[in-house]
Amino acid sequence: MTKRGSQQIKKDILKVLTSGTYTYAELERKINTGYRSIVSNCKELESFQAVKIEKLDKHEANGKPYFQVSITNNGRDILKRL
């Protein structure tokens, strides 16, 4: 099994986000990579305004704060070019 590069993970994140908004944990499961990798790649994508990361106060299931990630129009344009 070959290790995916950071660029491939970012591309996978953008692809998944085209179908909706996801939490870091949901992205971790869908993309099959580590939580820290998801967080760092999402933050980098946010710096390019490709995704929007929103902190929400309370998750329905556990009552803890969580983050939702959604793709921006800029992110959709970037994905088309990749």
PDB file of N, CA and C in Angstrom:
ATOM      1  N   MET A   1       0.845  -1.182   0.000  1.00  0.00           N
ATOM      2  CA  MET A   1       0.000   0.000   0.000  1.00  0.00           C
ATOM      3  C   MET A   1       0.889   1.243   0.000  1.00  0.00           C
ATOM      4  N   THR A   2       0.654   2.135  -0.927  1.00  0.00           N
ATOM      5  CA  THR A   2       1.462   3.342  -1.006  1.00  0.00           C
ATOM      6  C   THR A   2       0.815   4.455  -0.191  1.00  0.00           C
ATOM      7  N   LYS A   3       1.673   5.291   0.355  1.00  0.00           N
ATOM      8  CA  LYS A   3       1.197   6.413   1.143  1.00  0.00           C
ATOM      9  C   LYS A   3       0.737   7.520   0.202  1.00  0.00           C
ATOM     10  N   ARG A   4      -0.445   8.053   0.473  1.00  0.00           N
ATOM     11  CA  ARG A   4      -0.947   9.167  -0.332  1.00  0.00           C
ATOM     12  C   ARG A   4      -0.266  10.455   0.082  1.00  0.00           C
ATOM     13  N   GLY A   5      -0.005  11.292  -0.870  1.00  0.00           N
ATOM     14  CA  GLY A   5       0.601  12.580  -0.571  1.00  0.00           C
ATOM     15  C   GLY A   5      -0.440  13.570  -0.084  1.00  0.00           C
ATOM     16  N   SER A   6       0.052  14.661   0.466  1.00  0.00           N
ATOM     17  CA  SER A   6      -0.811  15.712   1.000  1.00  0.00           C
ATOM     18  C   SER A   6      -1.731  16.279  -0.079  1.00  0.00           C
ATOM     19  N   GLN A   7      -1.209  16.423  -1.299  1.00  0.00           N
ATOM     20  CA  GLN A   7      -2.031  16.969  -2.377  1.00  0.00           C
ATOM     21  C   GLN A   7      -3.199  16.037  -2.703  1.00  0.00           C
ATOM     22  N   GLN A   8      -2.956  14.737  -2.696  1.00  0.00           N
ATOM     23  CA  GLN A   8      -4.022  13.770  -2.978  1.00  0.00           C
ATOM     24  C   GLN A   8      -5.081  13.809  -1.880  1.00  0.00           C
ATOM     25  N   ILE A   9      -4.663  13.946  -0.643  1.00  0.00           N
ATOM     26  CA  ILE A   9      -5.619  14.013   0.473  1.00  0.00           C
ATOM     27  C   ILE A   9      -6.479  15.269   0.340  1.00  0.00           C
ATOM     28  N   LYS A  10      -5.859  16.390  -0.005  1.00  0.00           N
ATOM     29  CA  LYS A  10      -6.624  17.634  -0.201  1.00  0.00           C
ATOM     30  C   LYS A  10      -7.644  17.461  -1.326  1.00  0.00           C
ATOM     31  N   LYS A  11      -7.218  16.830  -2.401  1.00  0.00           N
ATOM     32  CA  LYS A  11      -8.119  16.587  -3.528  1.00  0.00           C
ATOM     33  C   LYS A  11      -9.288  15.700  -3.081  1.00  0.00           C
ATOM     34  N   ASP A  12      -8.996  14.660  -2.304  1.00  0.00           N
ATOM     35  CA  ASP A  12     -10.038  13.768  -1.796  1.00  0.00           C
ATOM     36  C   ASP A  12     -11.012  14.517  -0.891  1.00  0.00           C
ATOM     37  N   ILE A  13     -10.482  15.403  -0.046  1.00  0.00           N
ATOM     38  CA  ILE A  13     -11.336  16.202   0.842  1.00  0.00           C
ATOM     39  C   ILE A  13     -12.287  17.050   0.006  1.00  0.00           C
ATOM     40  N   LEU A  14     -11.758  17.743  -0.992  1.00  0.00           N
ATOM     41  CA  LEU A  14     -12.599  18.599  -1.835  1.00  0.00           C
ATOM     42  C   LEU A  14     -13.663  17.778  -2.565  1.00  0.00           C
ATOM     43  N   LYS A  15     -13.280  16.597  -3.064  1.00  0.00           N
ATOM     44  CA  LYS A  15     -14.248  15.730  -3.763  1.00  0.00           C
ATOM     45  C   LYS A  15     -15.398  15.341  -2.844  1.00  0.00           C
ATOM     46  N   VAL A  16     -15.066  14.917  -1.616  1.00  0.00           N
ATOM     47  CA  VAL A  16     -16.102  14.505  -0.662  1.00  0.00           C
ATOM     48  C   VAL A  16     -17.006  15.687  -0.325  1.00  0.00           C
ATOM     49  N   LEU A  17     -16.422  16.866  -0.157  1.00  0.00           N
ATOM     50  CA  LEU A  17     -17.205  18.035   0.240  1.00  0.00           C
ATOM     51  C   LEU A  17     -18.154  18.530  -0.847  1.00  0.00           C
ATOM     52  N   THR A  18     -17.962  18.090  -2.085  1.00  0.00           N
ATOM     53  CA  THR A  18     -18.900  18.506  -3.135  1.00  0.00           C
ATOM     54  C   THR A  18     -20.295  17.938  -2.884  1.00  0.00           C
ATOM     55  N   SER A  19     -20.393  16.893  -2.053  1.00  0.00           N
ATOM     56  CA  SER A  19     -21.711  16.300  -1.793  1.00  0.00           C
ATOM     57  C   SER A  19     -22.310  16.753  -0.463  1.00  0.00           C
ATOM     58  N   GLY A  20     -21.676  17.714   0.228  1.00  0.00           N
ATOM     59  CA  GLY A  20     -22.272  18.205   1.464  1.00  0.00           C
ATOM     60  C   GLY A  20     -21.254  18.736   2.454  1.00  0.00           C
ATOM     61  N   THR A  21     -21.743  18.989   3.667  1.00  0.00           N
ATOM     62  CA  THR A  21     -20.939  19.499   4.767  1.00  0.00           C
ATOM     63  C   THR A  21     -20.631  18.348   5.714  1.00  0.00           C
ATOM     64  N   TYR A  22     -19.383  18.272   6.166  1.00  0.00           N
ATOM     65  CA  TYR A  22     -18.964  17.157   7.020  1.00  0.00           C
ATOM     66  C   TYR A  22     -18.147  17.653   8.200  1.00  0.00           C
ATOM     67  N   THR A  23     -18.153  16.874   9.276  1.00  0.00           N
ATOM     68  CA  THR A  23     -17.279  17.155  10.413  1.00  0.00           C
ATOM     69  C   THR A  23     -15.905  16.558  10.108  1.00  0.00           C
ATOM     70  N   TYR A  24     -14.908  16.944  10.912  1.00  0.00           N
ATOM     71  CA  TYR A  24     -13.576  16.359  10.750  1.00  0.00           C
ATOM     72  C   TYR A  24     -13.635  14.834  10.866  1.00  0.00           C
ATOM     73  N   ALA A  25     -14.391  14.338  11.853  1.00  0.00           N
ATOM     74  CA  ALA A  25     -14.468  12.888  12.084  1.00  0.00           C
ATOM     75  C   ALA A  25     -15.108  12.175  10.892  1.00  0.00           C
ATOM     76  N   GLU A  26     -16.134  12.774  10.304  1.00  0.00           N
ATOM     77  CA  GLU A  26     -16.776  12.164   9.135  1.00  0.00           C
ATOM     78  C   GLU A  26     -15.815  12.129   7.951  1.00  0.00           C
ATOM     79  N   LEU A  27     -15.063  13.221   7.761  1.00  0.00           N
ATOM     80  CA  LEU A  27     -14.072  13.248   6.682  1.00  0.00           C
ATOM     81  C   LEU A  27     -12.991  12.206   6.911  1.00  0.00           C
ATOM     82  N   GLU A  28     -12.582  12.051   8.165  1.00  0.00           N
ATOM     83  CA  GLU A  28     -11.561  11.058   8.515  1.00  0.00           C
ATOM     84  C   GLU A  28     -12.006   9.668   8.067  1.00  0.00           C
ATOM     85  N   ARG A  29     -13.262   9.324   8.323  1.00  0.00           N
ATOM     86  CA  ARG A  29     -13.772   8.002   7.944  1.00  0.00           C
ATOM     87  C   ARG A  29     -13.948   7.875   6.432  1.00  0.00           C
ATOM     88  N   LYS A  30     -14.477   8.909   5.795  1.00  0.00           N
ATOM     89  CA  LYS A  30     -14.735   8.837   4.352  1.00  0.00           C
ATOM     90  C   LYS A  30     -13.446   8.763   3.537  1.00  0.00           C
ATOM     91  N   ILE A  31     -12.413   9.469   3.996  1.00  0.00           N
ATOM     92  CA  ILE A  31     -11.169   9.546   3.228  1.00  0.00           C
ATOM     93  C   ILE A  31     -10.166   8.491   3.691  1.00  0.00           C
ATOM     94  N   ASN A  32     -10.430   7.907   4.846  1.00  0.00           N
ATOM     95  CA  ASN A  32      -9.581   6.840   5.388  1.00  0.00           C
ATOM     96  C   ASN A  32      -8.156   7.329   5.647  1.00  0.00           C
ATOM     97  N   THR A  33      -8.080   8.410   6.418  1.00  0.00           N
ATOM     98  CA  THR A  33      -6.787   8.932   6.848  1.00  0.00           C
ATOM     99  C   THR A  33      -6.930   9.412   8.284  1.00  0.00           C
ATOM    100  N   GLY A  34      -5.840   9.812   8.903  1.00  0.00           N
ATOM    101  CA  GLY A  34      -5.854  10.198  10.308  1.00  0.00           C
ATOM    102  C   GLY A  34      -6.541  11.527  10.569  1.00  0.00           C
ATOM    103  N   TYR A  35      -7.029  11.667  11.800  1.00  0.00           N
ATOM    104  CA  TYR A  35      -7.730  12.881  12.217  1.00  0.00           C
ATOM    105  C   TYR A  35      -6.833  14.108  12.075  1.00  0.00           C
ATOM    106  N   ARG A  36      -5.592  14.009  12.550  1.00  0.00           N
ATOM    107  CA  ARG A  36      -4.675  15.154  12.470  1.00  0.00           C
ATOM    108  C   ARG A  36      -4.399  15.561  11.029  1.00  0.00           C
ATOM    109  N   SER A  37      -4.315  14.574  10.149  1.00  0.00           N
ATOM    110  CA  SER A  37      -4.110  14.847   8.726  1.00  0.00           C
ATOM    111  C   SER A  37      -5.299  15.627   8.158  1.00  0.00           C
ATOM    112  N   ILE A  38      -6.502  15.215   8.528  1.00  0.00           N
ATOM    113  CA  ILE A  38      -7.715  15.913   8.069  1.00  0.00           C
ATOM    114  C   ILE A  38      -7.697  17.360   8.551  1.00  0.00           C
ATOM    115  N   VAL A  39      -7.435  17.559   9.845  1.00  0.00           N
ATOM    116  CA  VAL A  39      -7.447  18.908  10.417  1.00  0.00           C
ATOM    117  C   VAL A  39      -6.414  19.799   9.734  1.00  0.00           C
ATOM    118  N   SER A  40      -5.179  19.313   9.605  1.00  0.00           N
ATOM    119  CA  SER A  40      -4.125  20.155   9.019  1.00  0.00           C
ATOM    120  C   SER A  40      -4.401  20.452   7.544  1.00  0.00           C
ATOM    121  N   ASN A  41      -4.879  19.450   6.796  1.00  0.00           N
ATOM    122  CA  ASN A  41      -5.183  19.684   5.382  1.00  0.00           C
ATOM    123  C   ASN A  41      -6.378  20.619   5.210  1.00  0.00           C
ATOM    124  N   CYS A  42      -7.386  20.495   6.071  1.00  0.00           N
ATOM    125  CA  CYS A  42      -8.533  21.406   5.996  1.00  0.00           C
ATOM    126  C   CYS A  42      -8.116  22.837   6.321  1.00  0.00           C
ATOM    127  N   LYS A  43      -7.242  22.993   7.316  1.00  0.00           N
ATOM    128  CA  LYS A  43      -6.768  24.344   7.668  1.00  0.00           C
ATOM    129  C   LYS A  43      -5.975  24.950   6.519  1.00  0.00           C
ATOM    130  N   GLU A  44      -5.181  24.129   5.855  1.00  0.00           N
ATOM    131  CA  GLU A  44      -4.420  24.632   4.706  1.00  0.00           C
ATOM    132  C   GLU A  44      -5.372  25.013   3.563  1.00  0.00           C
ATOM    133  N   LEU A  45      -6.380  24.166   3.319  1.00  0.00           N
ATOM    134  CA  LEU A  45      -7.369  24.494   2.282  1.00  0.00           C
ATOM    135  C   LEU A  45      -8.125  25.778   2.639  1.00  0.00           C
ATOM    136  N   GLU A  46      -8.378  25.979   3.933  1.00  0.00           N
ATOM    137  CA  GLU A  46      -9.067  27.201   4.370  1.00  0.00           C
ATOM    138  C   GLU A  46      -8.207  28.431   4.075  1.00  0.00           C
ATOM    139  N   SER A  47      -6.893  28.307   4.217  1.00  0.00           N
ATOM    140  CA  SER A  47      -6.009  29.452   3.947  1.00  0.00           C
ATOM    141  C   SER A  47      -6.056  29.855   2.474  1.00  0.00           C
ATOM    142  N   PHE A  48      -6.433  28.918   1.601  1.00  0.00           N
ATOM    143  CA  PHE A  48      -6.609  29.226   0.173  1.00  0.00           C
ATOM    144  C   PHE A  48      -8.071  29.539  -0.157  1.00  0.00           C
ATOM    145  N   GLN A  49      -8.897  29.656   0.877  1.00  0.00           N
ATOM    146  CA  GLN A  49     -10.336  29.902   0.741  1.00  0.00           C
ATOM    147  C   GLN A  49     -11.034  28.854  -0.113  1.00  0.00           C
ATOM    148  N   ALA A  50     -10.527  27.611  -0.018  1.00  0.00           N
ATOM    149  CA  ALA A  50     -11.142  26.501  -0.752  1.00  0.00           C
ATOM    150  C   ALA A  50     -12.237  25.825   0.077  1.00  0.00           C
ATOM    151  N   VAL A  51     -12.109  25.936   1.409  1.00  0.00           N
ATOM    152  CA  VAL A  51     -13.137  25.392   2.300  1.00  0.00           C
ATOM    153  C   VAL A  51     -13.454  26.421   3.380  1.00  0.00           C
ATOM    154  N   LYS A  52     -14.609  26.243   3.989  1.00  0.00           N
ATOM    155  CA  LYS A  52     -15.011  27.068   5.133  1.00  0.00           C
ATOM    156  C   LYS A  52     -15.120  26.134   6.330  1.00  0.00           C
ATOM    157  N   ILE A  53     -14.428  26.487   7.430  1.00  0.00           N
ATOM    158  CA  ILE A  53     -14.486  25.688   8.653  1.00  0.00           C
ATOM    159  C   ILE A  53     -15.279  26.490   9.675  1.00  0.00           C
ATOM    160  N   GLU A  54     -16.331  25.883  10.189  1.00  0.00           N
ATOM    161  CA  GLU A  54     -17.211  26.557  11.134  1.00  0.00           C
ATOM    162  C   GLU A  54     -17.217  25.792  12.459  1.00  0.00           C
ATOM    163  N   LYS A  55     -16.945  26.505  13.551  1.00  0.00           N
ATOM    164  CA  LYS A  55     -16.989  25.867  14.875  1.00  0.00           C
ATOM    165  C   LYS A  55     -18.400  25.989  15.424  1.00  0.00           C
ATOM    166  N   LEU A  56     -18.961  24.856  15.816  1.00  0.00           N
ATOM    167  CA  LEU A  56     -20.298  24.827  16.398  1.00  0.00           C
ATOM    168  C   LEU A  56     -20.192  24.420  17.857  1.00  0.00           C
ATOM    169  N   ASP A  57     -21.061  24.969  18.687  1.00  0.00           N
ATOM    170  CA  ASP A  57     -20.939  24.806  20.135  1.00  0.00           C
ATOM    171  C   ASP A  57     -21.222  23.404  20.651  1.00  0.00           C
ATOM    172  N   LYS A  58     -22.293  22.779  20.151  1.00  0.00           N
ATOM    173  CA  LYS A  58     -22.706  21.516  20.766  1.00  0.00           C
ATOM    174  C   LYS A  58     -23.122  20.492  19.734  1.00  0.00           C
ATOM    175  N   HIS A  59     -22.485  19.344  19.769  1.00  0.00           N
ATOM    176  CA  HIS A  59     -22.883  18.224  18.916  1.00  0.00           C
ATOM    177  C   HIS A  59     -24.085  17.548  19.571  1.00  0.00           C
ATOM    178  N   GLU A  60     -25.080  17.175  18.757  1.00  0.00           N
ATOM    179  CA  GLU A  60     -26.306  16.566  19.296  1.00  0.00           C
ATOM    180  C   GLU A  60     -26.002  15.274  20.065  1.00  0.00           C
ATOM    181  N   ALA A  61     -25.045  14.503  19.567  1.00  0.00           N
ATOM    182  CA  ALA A  61     -24.765  13.185  20.146  1.00  0.00           C
ATOM    183  C   ALA A  61     -24.028  13.259  21.483  1.00  0.00           C
ATOM    184  N   ASN A  62     -23.009  14.144  21.581  1.00  0.00           N
ATOM    185  CA  ASN A  62     -22.189  14.123  22.795  1.00  0.00           C
ATOM    186  C   ASN A  62     -22.111  15.458  23.526  1.00  0.00           C
ATOM    187  N   GLY A  63     -22.712  16.494  22.968  1.00  0.00           N
ATOM    188  CA  GLY A  63     -22.721  17.789  23.636  1.00  0.00           C
ATOM    189  C   GLY A  63     -21.417  18.564  23.568  1.00  0.00           C
ATOM    190  N   LYS A  64     -20.431  18.056  22.834  1.00  0.00           N
ATOM    191  CA  LYS A  64     -19.126  18.724  22.744  1.00  0.00           C
ATOM    192  C   LYS A  64     -19.082  19.651  21.529  1.00  0.00           C
ATOM    193  N   PRO A  65     -18.217  20.667  21.590  1.00  0.00           N
ATOM    194  CA  PRO A  65     -18.028  21.520  20.412  1.00  0.00           C
ATOM    195  C   PRO A  65     -17.431  20.705  19.259  1.00  0.00           C
ATOM    196  N   TYR A  66     -17.729  21.102  18.030  1.00  0.00           N
ATOM    197  CA  TYR A  66     -17.192  20.399  16.866  1.00  0.00           C
ATOM    198  C   TYR A  66     -17.081  21.354  15.697  1.00  0.00           C
ATOM    199  N   PHE A  67     -16.438  20.892  14.652  1.00  0.00           N
ATOM    200  CA  PHE A  67     -16.211  21.713  13.469  1.00  0.00           C
ATOM    201  C   PHE A  67     -16.902  21.095  12.267  1.00  0.00           C
ATOM    202  N   GLN A  68     -17.504  21.957  11.442  1.00  0.00           N
ATOM    203  CA  GLN A  68     -18.077  21.504  10.175  1.00  0.00           C
ATOM    204  C   GLN A  68     -17.284  22.137   9.044  1.00  0.00           C
ATOM    205  N   VAL A  69     -17.037  21.347   8.021  1.00  0.00           N
ATOM    206  CA  VAL A  69     -16.243  21.814   6.886  1.00  0.00           C
ATOM    207  C   VAL A  69     -17.128  21.766   5.639  1.00  0.00           C
ATOM    208  N   SER A  70     -17.112  22.850   4.868  1.00  0.00           N
ATOM    209  CA  SER A  70     -17.861  22.878   3.611  1.00  0.00           C
ATOM    210  C   SER A  70     -16.969  23.474   2.526  1.00  0.00           C
ATOM    211  N   ILE A  71     -17.245  23.096   1.293  1.00  0.00           N
ATOM    212  CA  ILE A  71     -16.454  23.592   0.167  1.00  0.00           C
ATOM    213  C   ILE A  71     -16.983  24.958  -0.261  1.00  0.00           C
ATOM    214  N   THR A  72     -16.095  25.823  -0.717  1.00  0.00           N
ATOM    215  CA  THR A  72     -16.481  27.138  -1.226  1.00  0.00           C
ATOM    216  C   THR A  72     -16.504  27.093  -2.756  1.00  0.00           C
ATOM    217  N   ASN A  73     -17.013  28.151  -3.359  1.00  0.00           N
ATOM    218  CA  ASN A  73     -16.971  28.230  -4.829  1.00  0.00           C
ATOM    219  C   ASN A  73     -15.531  28.195  -5.326  1.00  0.00           C
ATOM    220  N   ASN A  74     -14.639  28.846  -4.591  1.00  0.00           N
ATOM    221  CA  ASN A  74     -13.216  28.829  -4.938  1.00  0.00           C
ATOM    222  C   ASN A  74     -12.683  27.394  -4.883  1.00  0.00           C
ATOM    223  N   GLY A  75     -13.114  26.634  -3.881  1.00  0.00           N
ATOM    224  CA  GLY A  75     -12.710  25.236  -3.749  1.00  0.00           C
ATOM    225  C   GLY A  75     -13.179  24.396  -4.918  1.00  0.00           C
ATOM    226  N   ARG A  76     -14.395  24.673  -5.392  1.00  0.00           N
ATOM    227  CA  ARG A  76     -14.921  23.947  -6.558  1.00  0.00           C
ATOM    228  C   ARG A  76     -14.072  24.256  -7.800  1.00  0.00           C
ATOM    229  N   ASP A  77     -13.677  25.524  -7.940  1.00  0.00           N
ATOM    230  CA  ASP A  77     -12.828  25.911  -9.081  1.00  0.00           C
ATOM    231  C   ASP A  77     -11.464  25.223  -8.990  1.00  0.00           C
ATOM    232  N   ILE A  78     -10.894  25.166  -7.803  1.00  0.00           N
ATOM    233  CA  ILE A  78      -9.592  24.511  -7.606  1.00  0.00           C
ATOM    234  C   ILE A  78      -9.697  23.039  -7.961  1.00  0.00           C
ATOM    235  N   LEU A  79     -10.777  22.386  -7.517  1.00  0.00           N
ATOM    236  CA  LEU A  79     -10.966  20.962  -7.788  1.00  0.00           C
ATOM    237  C   LEU A  79     -11.049  20.688  -9.283  1.00  0.00           C
ATOM    238  N   LYS A  80     -11.698  21.566 -10.034  1.00  0.00           N
ATOM    239  CA  LYS A  80     -11.789  21.399 -11.485  1.00  0.00           C
ATOM    240  C   LYS A  80     -10.419  21.433 -12.154  1.00  0.00           C
ATOM    241  N   ARG A  81      -9.508  22.234 -11.563  1.00  0.00           N
ATOM    242  CA  ARG A  81      -8.170  22.375 -12.146  1.00  0.00           C
ATOM    243  C   ARG A  81      -7.220  21.263 -11.751  1.00  0.00           C
ATOM    244  N   LEU A  82      -7.551  20.504 -10.721  1.00  0.00           N
ATOM    245  CA  LEU A  82      -6.650  19.436 -10.252  1.00  0.00           C
ATOM    246  C   LEU A  82      -6.742  18.188 -11.117  1.00  0.00           C
TER     247      LEU A  82
END
